[in-house]
C-alpha atoms as a PDB file:
ATOM      1  CA  MET A   1     114.205  61.269 138.007  1.00  0.00           C
ATOM      2  CA  ILE A   2     112.459  64.465 136.980  1.00  0.00           C
ATOM      3  CA  THR A   3     108.725  64.446 137.570  1.00  0.00           C
ATOM      4  CA  GLY A   4     107.822  67.843 136.199  1.00  0.00           C
ATOM      5  CA  TYR A   5     108.287  71.555 135.787  1.00  0.00           C
ATOM      6  CA  TYR A   6     106.430  74.603 136.972  1.00  0.00           C
ATOM      7  CA  ILE A   7     106.669  78.365 136.521  1.00  0.00           C
ATOM      8  CA  ARG A   8     107.271  80.617 139.502  1.00  0.00           C
ATOM      9  CA  GLY A   9     106.706  84.365 139.415  1.00  0.00           C
ATOM     10  CA  SER A  10     108.174  87.093 141.574  1.00  0.00           C
ATOM     11  CA  ALA A  11     106.925  90.482 142.719  1.00  0.00           C
ATOM     12  CA  GLU A  12     109.343  92.197 140.325  1.00  0.00           C
ATOM     13  CA  GLY A  13     107.694  90.548 137.325  1.00  0.00           C
ATOM     14  CA  ALA A  14     110.571  88.156 136.645  1.00  0.00           C
ATOM     15  CA  TRP A  15     109.679  84.527 136.086  1.00  0.00           C
ATOM     16  CA  ALA A  16     111.587  81.311 136.702  1.00  0.00           C
ATOM     17  CA  LEU A  17     111.178  77.767 135.421  1.00  0.00           C
ATOM     18  CA  VAL A  18     111.645  75.220 138.190  1.00  0.00           C
ATOM     19  CA  GLU A  19     112.345  71.510 137.759  1.00  0.00           C
ATOM     20  CA  GLN A  20     111.060  69.166 140.467  1.00  0.00           C
ATOM     21  CA  ASP A  21     112.011  65.545 141.111  1.00  0.00           C
ATOM     22  CA  GLU A  22     110.150  62.742 142.883  1.00  0.00           C
ATOM     23  CA  ARG A  23     111.551  63.839 146.258  1.00  0.00           C
ATOM     24  CA  TYR A  24     110.255  67.404 145.700  1.00  0.00           C
ATOM     25  CA  LYS A  25     113.798  68.750 145.237  1.00  0.00           C
ATOM     26  CA  GLU A  26     113.657  71.939 143.193  1.00  0.00           C
ATOM     27  CA  THR A  27     116.221  73.095 140.653  1.00  0.00           C
ATOM     28  CA  VAL A  28     115.881  76.436 138.849  1.00  0.00           C
ATOM     29  CA  VAL A  29     116.277  75.843 135.109  1.00  0.00           C
ATOM     30  CA  GLY A  30     115.742  79.407 133.932  1.00  0.00           C
ATOM     31  CA  ASP A  31     115.600  82.609 135.982  1.00  0.00           C
ATOM     32  CA  GLY A  32     114.835  86.251 135.191  1.00  0.00           C
ATOM     33  CA  LEU A  33     112.613  85.316 132.253  1.00  0.00           C
ATOM     34  CA  SER A  34     109.641  87.178 130.880  1.00  0.00           C
ATOM     35  CA  ASN A  35     106.288  85.443 131.149  1.00  0.00           C
ATOM     36  CA  LYS A  36     106.340  84.564 127.451  1.00  0.00           C
ATOM     37  CA  GLU A  37     109.877  83.126 127.660  1.00  0.00           C
ATOM     38  CA  ALA A  38     109.018  81.090 130.762  1.00  0.00           C
ATOM     39  CA  VAL A  39     105.951  79.582 129.113  1.00  0.00           C
ATOM     40  CA  ALA A  40     107.879  78.738 125.928  1.00  0.00           C
ATOM     41  CA  LEU A  41     110.668  77.093 127.945  1.00  0.00           C
ATOM     42  CA  TYR A  42     108.088  75.202 130.038  1.00  0.00           C
ATOM     43  CA  TRP A  43     106.473  73.637 126.968  1.00  0.00           C
ATOM     44  CA  LYS A  44     109.865  72.830 125.435  1.00  0.00           C
ATOM     45  CA  LYS A  45     110.977  71.014 128.599  1.00  0.00           C
ATOM     46  CA  MET A  46     107.647  69.185 128.932  1.00  0.00           C
ATOM     47  CA  ALA A  47     107.957  67.956 125.337  1.00  0.00           C
ATOM     48  CA  GLU A  48     111.480  66.700 126.064  1.00  0.00           C
ATOM     49  CA  LEU A  49     110.232  64.993 129.223  1.00  0.00           C
ATOM     50  CA  SER A  50     107.437  63.165 127.412  1.00  0.00           C
ATOM     51  CA  ALA A  51     109.509  62.165 124.369  1.00  0.00           C
ATOM     52  CA  PRO A  52     111.341  58.828 124.474  1.00  0.00           C
ATOM     53  CA  ALA A  53     115.077  59.152 125.073  1.00  0.00           C
ATOM     54  CA  ASP A  54     115.854  57.076 121.982  1.00  0.00           C
ATOM     55  CA  PRO A  55     113.296  57.106 119.139  1.00  0.00           C
ATOM     56  CA  ALA A  56     114.305  53.578 118.094  1.00  0.00           C
ATOM     57  CA  ALA A  57     113.861  52.260 121.646  1.00  0.00           C
ATOM     58  CA  GLY A  58     110.088  52.560 121.452  1.00  0.00           C
ATOM     59  CA  SER A  59     109.798  50.173 118.502  1.00  0.00           C
ATOM     60  CA  ASP A  60     111.667  47.313 120.224  1.00  0.00           C
ATOM     61  CA  ARG A  61     109.457  47.204 123.276  1.00  0.00           C
ATOM     62  CA  PRO A  62     106.717  44.581 123.330  1.00  0.00           C
ATOM     63  CA  ARG A  63     103.202  45.911 123.181  1.00  0.00           C
ATOM     64  CA  ARG A  64     101.375  46.047 126.464  1.00  0.00           C
ATOM     65  CA  ARG A  65      98.527  43.632 126.770  1.00  0.00           C
ATOM     66  CA  GLN A  66      95.290  45.441 127.206  1.00  0.00           C
ATOM     67  CA  CYS A  67      93.599  44.526 130.454  1.00  0.00           C
ATOM     68  CA  VAL A  68      89.902  43.910 130.125  1.00  0.00           C
ATOM     69  CA  PRO A  69      88.036  43.667 133.406  1.00  0.00           C
ATOM     70  CA  PRO A  70      85.903  40.539 133.781  1.00  0.00           C
ATOM     71  CA  GLN A  71      82.227  41.082 133.210  1.00  0.00           C
ATOM     72  CA  LEU A  72      79.825  40.694 136.068  1.00  0.00           C
ATOM     73  CA  MET A  73      77.175  38.030 135.660  1.00  0.00           C
ATOM     74  CA  LEU A  74      73.831  38.222 137.342  1.00  0.00           C
ATOM     75  CA  LYS A  75      72.032  35.007 138.154  1.00  0.00           C
ATOM     76  CA  LEU A  76      68.300  35.437 138.194  1.00  0.00           C
END
């Protein structure tokens, strides 16, 4: 499972977009990019990561019950 992306720069001014999983394994998604291209690709990948895989799948899931912490009562 992918946990996120980050941008890595080099001394030559080339940028890379790196994908990282839950075990900290890194995979280079894009290499030799300009800063502007790396940032655009980063936001595109983050949007894909946060979007549901199937738009219809979100409507079938039951709503999560909202947890309300119990109130504290003071006895005087």
